[in-house]
Amino acid sequence: MNSKINRIDAVHSLGFHNFHGPDSGEFVFPDGETPPSESEIQAEVKRLQAEYDAKAYARARQPLYPDIGDQLDDLYHKGAFSAEMKAKIKKVKDDNPKPE
């Protein structure tokens, strides 16, 4: 999944939220607000895109991991939790037994 960061994303990231206009055109900001320069916007687009691209591995991995409930159940049964956490989980399981 490839995403392209746009100018609107960049302006929001720079802390401006009350503006309007098309991504490819001139933005309109409220009176008295100094808008970011186009070079600031483009630098933020580049920074955000690099940040997004650097996390491609995480987006690719996420749907491949086992369900978090399955992971936690495995940890519980193999004793990887502290005694306190194991007791809390056991109480939930005991209070809500799995149907036979």
N, C-alpha and C. Protein backbone atom coordinates (compact mmCIF):
# COMPACT_ATOMS: atom_id res chain seq x y z
N MET A 1 0.85 -1.17 0.00
CA MET A 1 0.00 0.00 0.00
C MET A 1 0.89 1.24 0.00
N ASN A 2 0.84 1.98 -1.04
CA ASN A 2 1.67 3.16 -1.19
C ASN A 2 0.80 4.40 -0.99
N SER A 3 1.23 5.30 -0.15
CA SER A 3 0.46 6.51 0.13
C SER A 3 1.31 7.72 -0.23
N LYS A 4 0.64 8.70 -0.76
CA LYS A 4 1.33 9.94 -1.05
C LYS A 4 0.81 11.00 -0.10
N ILE A 5 1.71 11.59 0.63
CA ILE A 5 1.36 12.66 1.56
C ILE A 5 1.06 13.90 0.72
N ASN A 6 -0.02 14.60 1.06
CA ASN A 6 -0.37 15.78 0.28
C ASN A 6 -0.11 17.06 1.08
N ARG A 7 -0.32 18.18 0.43
CA ARG A 7 -0.05 19.48 1.05
C ARG A 7 -0.98 19.74 2.23
N ILE A 8 -2.22 19.26 2.14
CA ILE A 8 -3.16 19.45 3.25
C ILE A 8 -2.65 18.72 4.49
N ASP A 9 -2.16 17.48 4.31
CA ASP A 9 -1.58 16.73 5.43
C ASP A 9 -0.44 17.54 6.07
N ALA A 10 0.40 18.12 5.22
CA ALA A 10 1.55 18.87 5.70
C ALA A 10 1.13 20.11 6.49
N VAL A 11 0.15 20.84 5.97
CA VAL A 11 -0.30 22.06 6.66
C VAL A 11 -0.91 21.69 8.02
N HIS A 12 -1.68 20.61 8.06
CA HIS A 12 -2.21 20.14 9.35
C HIS A 12 -1.07 19.79 10.30
N SER A 13 -0.08 19.09 9.79
CA SER A 13 1.05 18.68 10.62
C SER A 13 1.82 19.89 11.16
N LEU A 14 1.82 20.97 10.41
CA LEU A 14 2.49 22.20 10.85
C LEU A 14 1.68 22.96 11.90
N GLY A 15 0.50 22.45 12.23
CA GLY A 15 -0.30 23.05 13.30
C GLY A 15 -1.43 23.96 12.85
N PHE A 16 -1.71 23.97 11.56
CA PHE A 16 -2.80 24.80 11.04
C PHE A 16 -4.00 23.91 10.76
N HIS A 17 -5.15 24.27 11.34
CA HIS A 17 -6.32 23.42 11.16
C HIS A 17 -7.53 24.20 10.65
N ASN A 18 -7.46 25.50 10.69
CA ASN A 18 -8.58 26.33 10.28
C ASN A 18 -8.24 27.03 8.97
N PHE A 19 -8.29 26.27 7.87
CA PHE A 19 -8.00 26.82 6.55
C PHE A 19 -8.80 26.02 5.54
N HIS A 20 -8.88 26.51 4.34
CA HIS A 20 -9.55 25.75 3.28
C HIS A 20 -8.91 26.05 1.94
N GLY A 21 -9.23 25.22 0.99
CA GLY A 21 -8.69 25.36 -0.35
C GLY A 21 -8.26 24.01 -0.88
N PRO A 22 -8.09 23.91 -2.20
CA PRO A 22 -7.70 22.63 -2.80
C PRO A 22 -6.24 22.31 -2.55
N ASP A 23 -5.93 21.03 -2.53
CA ASP A 23 -4.54 20.61 -2.29
C ASP A 23 -3.59 21.18 -3.33
N SER A 24 -4.07 21.34 -4.54
CA SER A 24 -3.19 21.81 -5.62
C SER A 24 -3.19 23.33 -5.77
N GLY A 25 -3.95 24.03 -4.94
CA GLY A 25 -4.04 25.47 -5.12
C GLY A 25 -3.64 26.25 -3.89
N GLU A 26 -4.14 27.46 -3.83
CA GLU A 26 -3.84 28.39 -2.74
C GLU A 26 -4.77 28.11 -1.56
N PHE A 27 -4.21 28.00 -0.38
CA PHE A 27 -5.00 27.82 0.82
C PHE A 27 -5.44 29.18 1.35
N VAL A 28 -6.61 29.23 1.95
CA VAL A 28 -7.11 30.45 2.55
C VAL A 28 -7.10 30.24 4.06
N PHE A 29 -6.43 31.14 4.77
CA PHE A 29 -6.31 31.08 6.22
C PHE A 29 -7.12 32.22 6.82
N PRO A 30 -7.52 32.10 8.09
CA PRO A 30 -8.28 33.18 8.73
C PRO A 30 -7.46 34.47 8.76
N ASP A 31 -8.17 35.59 8.79
CA ASP A 31 -7.51 36.89 8.88
C ASP A 31 -6.60 36.93 10.10
N GLY A 32 -5.43 37.50 9.92
CA GLY A 32 -4.49 37.66 11.02
C GLY A 32 -3.58 36.46 11.24
N GLU A 33 -3.86 35.35 10.57
CA GLU A 33 -3.01 34.17 10.74
C GLU A 33 -1.96 34.15 9.63
N THR A 34 -0.71 34.00 10.02
CA THR A 34 0.36 33.95 9.04
C THR A 34 0.50 32.51 8.54
N PRO A 35 0.19 32.27 7.28
CA PRO A 35 0.26 30.90 6.76
C PRO A 35 1.71 30.46 6.55
N PRO A 36 1.92 29.16 6.52
CA PRO A 36 3.27 28.67 6.23
C PRO A 36 3.64 28.98 4.79
N SER A 37 4.92 29.12 4.53
CA SER A 37 5.37 29.36 3.16
C SER A 37 5.28 28.05 2.37
N GLU A 38 5.30 28.18 1.06
CA GLU A 38 5.25 26.97 0.22
C GLU A 38 6.47 26.09 0.47
N SER A 39 7.62 26.70 0.73
CA SER A 39 8.82 25.89 1.01
C SER A 39 8.67 25.13 2.33
N GLU A 40 8.04 25.74 3.33
CA GLU A 40 7.77 25.04 4.59
C GLU A 40 6.81 23.87 4.36
N ILE A 41 5.79 24.11 3.56
CA ILE A 41 4.81 23.06 3.25
C ILE A 41 5.50 21.90 2.53
N GLN A 42 6.30 22.23 1.52
CA GLN A 42 6.97 21.17 0.75
C GLN A 42 7.98 20.40 1.61
N ALA A 43 8.67 21.09 2.50
CA ALA A 43 9.61 20.40 3.39
C ALA A 43 8.86 19.45 4.32
N GLU A 44 7.67 19.87 4.78
CA GLU A 44 6.87 19.01 5.66
C GLU A 44 6.29 17.83 4.89
N VAL A 45 5.89 18.05 3.64
CA VAL A 45 5.43 16.94 2.79
C VAL A 45 6.54 15.90 2.68
N LYS A 46 7.74 16.36 2.39
CA LYS A 46 8.89 15.46 2.24
C LYS A 46 9.19 14.71 3.53
N ARG A 47 9.15 15.42 4.67
CA ARG A 47 9.42 14.79 5.97
C ARG A 47 8.36 13.74 6.30
N LEU A 48 7.08 14.10 6.11
CA LEU A 48 6.00 13.16 6.40
C LEU A 48 6.05 11.93 5.49
N GLN A 49 6.38 12.15 4.21
CA GLN A 49 6.45 11.02 3.28
C GLN A 49 7.59 10.09 3.67
N ALA A 50 8.73 10.65 4.07
CA ALA A 50 9.86 9.82 4.50
C ALA A 50 9.50 9.02 5.75
N GLU A 51 8.79 9.66 6.67
CA GLU A 51 8.35 8.98 7.90
C GLU A 51 7.39 7.84 7.55
N TYR A 52 6.44 8.11 6.65
CA TYR A 52 5.48 7.09 6.21
C TYR A 52 6.21 5.93 5.53
N ASP A 53 7.10 6.25 4.62
CA ASP A 53 7.83 5.22 3.87
C ASP A 53 8.69 4.36 4.80
N ALA A 54 9.26 4.97 5.82
CA ALA A 54 10.13 4.24 6.75
C ALA A 54 9.36 3.21 7.58
N LYS A 55 8.05 3.34 7.64
CA LYS A 55 7.23 2.42 8.43
C LYS A 55 6.49 1.39 7.57
N ALA A 56 6.92 1.22 6.33
CA ALA A 56 6.27 0.26 5.43
C ALA A 56 6.33 -1.15 6.00
N TYR A 57 7.45 -1.50 6.63
CA TYR A 57 7.59 -2.84 7.20
C TYR A 57 6.52 -3.11 8.26
N ALA A 58 6.20 -2.11 9.08
CA ALA A 58 5.21 -2.28 10.14
C ALA A 58 3.82 -2.48 9.54
N ARG A 59 3.50 -1.73 8.49
CA ARG A 59 2.20 -1.88 7.84
C ARG A 59 2.09 -3.24 7.16
N ALA A 60 3.19 -3.74 6.64
CA ALA A 60 3.19 -5.06 6.00
C ALA A 60 3.05 -6.18 7.03
N ARG A 61 3.65 -6.03 8.19
CA ARG A 61 3.61 -7.06 9.23
C ARG A 61 2.25 -7.14 9.92
N GLN A 62 1.63 -6.00 10.16
CA GLN A 62 0.45 -5.93 11.02
C GLN A 62 -0.62 -6.97 10.68
N PRO A 63 -1.06 -7.11 9.44
CA PRO A 63 -2.13 -8.08 9.18
C PRO A 63 -1.67 -9.54 9.25
N LEU A 64 -0.37 -9.77 9.33
CA LEU A 64 0.16 -11.13 9.35
C LEU A 64 0.31 -11.71 10.75
N TYR A 65 0.31 -10.84 11.76
CA TYR A 65 0.43 -11.33 13.14
C TYR A 65 -0.82 -12.09 13.54
N PRO A 66 -0.67 -13.06 14.44
CA PRO A 66 -1.86 -13.72 14.99
C PRO A 66 -2.71 -12.70 15.76
N ASP A 67 -3.98 -12.99 15.89
CA ASP A 67 -4.90 -12.14 16.63
C ASP A 67 -4.34 -11.88 18.03
N ILE A 68 -4.52 -10.65 18.53
CA ILE A 68 -3.96 -10.29 19.84
C ILE A 68 -4.53 -11.17 20.94
N GLY A 69 -5.79 -11.55 20.83
CA GLY A 69 -6.37 -12.45 21.83
C GLY A 69 -5.66 -13.79 21.85
N ASP A 70 -5.33 -14.31 20.66
CA ASP A 70 -4.59 -15.58 20.58
C ASP A 70 -3.19 -15.43 21.17
N GLN A 71 -2.56 -14.29 20.92
CA GLN A 71 -1.22 -14.05 21.47
C GLN A 71 -1.26 -14.01 23.00
N LEU A 72 -2.24 -13.29 23.54
CA LEU A 72 -2.35 -13.19 24.99
C LEU A 72 -2.70 -14.53 25.63
N ASP A 73 -3.57 -15.28 24.98
CA ASP A 73 -3.93 -16.60 25.51
C ASP A 73 -2.70 -17.51 25.54
N ASP A 74 -1.89 -17.45 24.50
CA ASP A 74 -0.67 -18.25 24.45
C ASP A 74 0.29 -17.85 25.58
N LEU A 75 0.46 -16.54 25.78
CA LEU A 75 1.31 -16.07 26.87
C LEU A 75 0.80 -16.56 28.23
N TYR A 76 -0.50 -16.47 28.41
CA TYR A 76 -1.11 -16.89 29.68
C TYR A 76 -0.83 -18.37 29.95
N HIS A 77 -1.08 -19.19 28.95
CA HIS A 77 -0.93 -20.64 29.14
C HIS A 77 0.53 -21.08 29.28
N LYS A 78 1.45 -20.30 28.75
CA LYS A 78 2.86 -20.68 28.84
C LYS A 78 3.58 -20.01 30.00
N GLY A 79 2.83 -19.26 30.82
CA GLY A 79 3.40 -18.70 32.03
C GLY A 79 4.34 -17.52 31.86
N ALA A 80 4.13 -16.71 30.84
CA ALA A 80 5.02 -15.59 30.61
C ALA A 80 4.59 -14.32 31.35
N PHE A 81 3.44 -14.35 32.02
CA PHE A 81 2.96 -13.19 32.75
C PHE A 81 3.44 -13.23 34.20
N SER A 82 3.43 -12.07 34.86
CA SER A 82 3.70 -12.03 36.30
C SER A 82 2.56 -12.75 37.01
N ALA A 83 2.79 -13.14 38.24
CA ALA A 83 1.77 -13.84 39.02
C ALA A 83 0.52 -12.97 39.16
N GLU A 84 0.73 -11.67 39.36
CA GLU A 84 -0.41 -10.75 39.50
C GLU A 84 -1.25 -10.70 38.23
N MET A 85 -0.59 -10.57 37.07
CA MET A 85 -1.31 -10.51 35.81
C MET A 85 -1.99 -11.85 35.53
N LYS A 86 -1.31 -12.93 35.82
CA LYS A 86 -1.90 -14.25 35.60
C LYS A 86 -3.17 -14.41 36.45
N ALA A 87 -3.14 -13.92 37.68
CA ALA A 87 -4.31 -14.01 38.56
C ALA A 87 -5.48 -13.19 38.00
N LYS A 88 -5.18 -12.01 37.48
CA LYS A 88 -6.23 -11.17 36.89
C LYS A 88 -6.86 -11.87 35.68
N ILE A 89 -6.02 -12.44 34.83
CA ILE A 89 -6.53 -13.11 33.63
C ILE A 89 -7.31 -14.36 34.03
N LYS A 90 -6.81 -15.10 35.01
CA LYS A 90 -7.51 -16.31 35.47
C LYS A 90 -8.89 -15.96 35.98
N LYS A 91 -9.01 -14.85 36.72
CA LYS A 91 -10.31 -14.43 37.23
C LYS A 91 -11.27 -14.14 36.08
N VAL A 92 -10.81 -13.45 35.06
CA VAL A 92 -11.66 -13.16 33.90
C VAL A 92 -12.10 -14.47 33.25
N LYS A 93 -11.16 -15.39 33.06
CA LYS A 93 -11.48 -16.68 32.44
C LYS A 93 -12.44 -17.50 33.32
N ASP A 94 -12.20 -17.50 34.63
CA ASP A 94 -13.08 -18.25 35.53
C ASP A 94 -14.47 -17.65 35.59
N ASP A 95 -14.56 -16.32 35.58
CA ASP A 95 -15.86 -15.66 35.63
C ASP A 95 -16.62 -15.75 34.32
N ASN A 96 -15.91 -16.04 33.25
CA ASN A 96 -16.50 -16.12 31.91
C ASN A 96 -16.01 -17.37 31.22
N PRO A 97 -16.48 -18.55 31.66
CA PRO A 97 -15.95 -19.78 31.09
C PRO A 97 -16.30 -19.96 29.62
N LYS A 98 -15.40 -20.64 28.91
CA LYS A 98 -15.60 -20.97 27.50
C LYS A 98 -16.69 -22.03 27.42
N PRO A 99 -17.68 -21.86 26.53
CA PRO A 99 -18.72 -22.88 26.39
C PRO A 99 -18.14 -24.19 25.89
N GLU A 100 -18.65 -25.27 26.39
CA GLU A 100 -18.18 -26.61 25.98
C GLU A 100 -18.80 -27.01 24.67
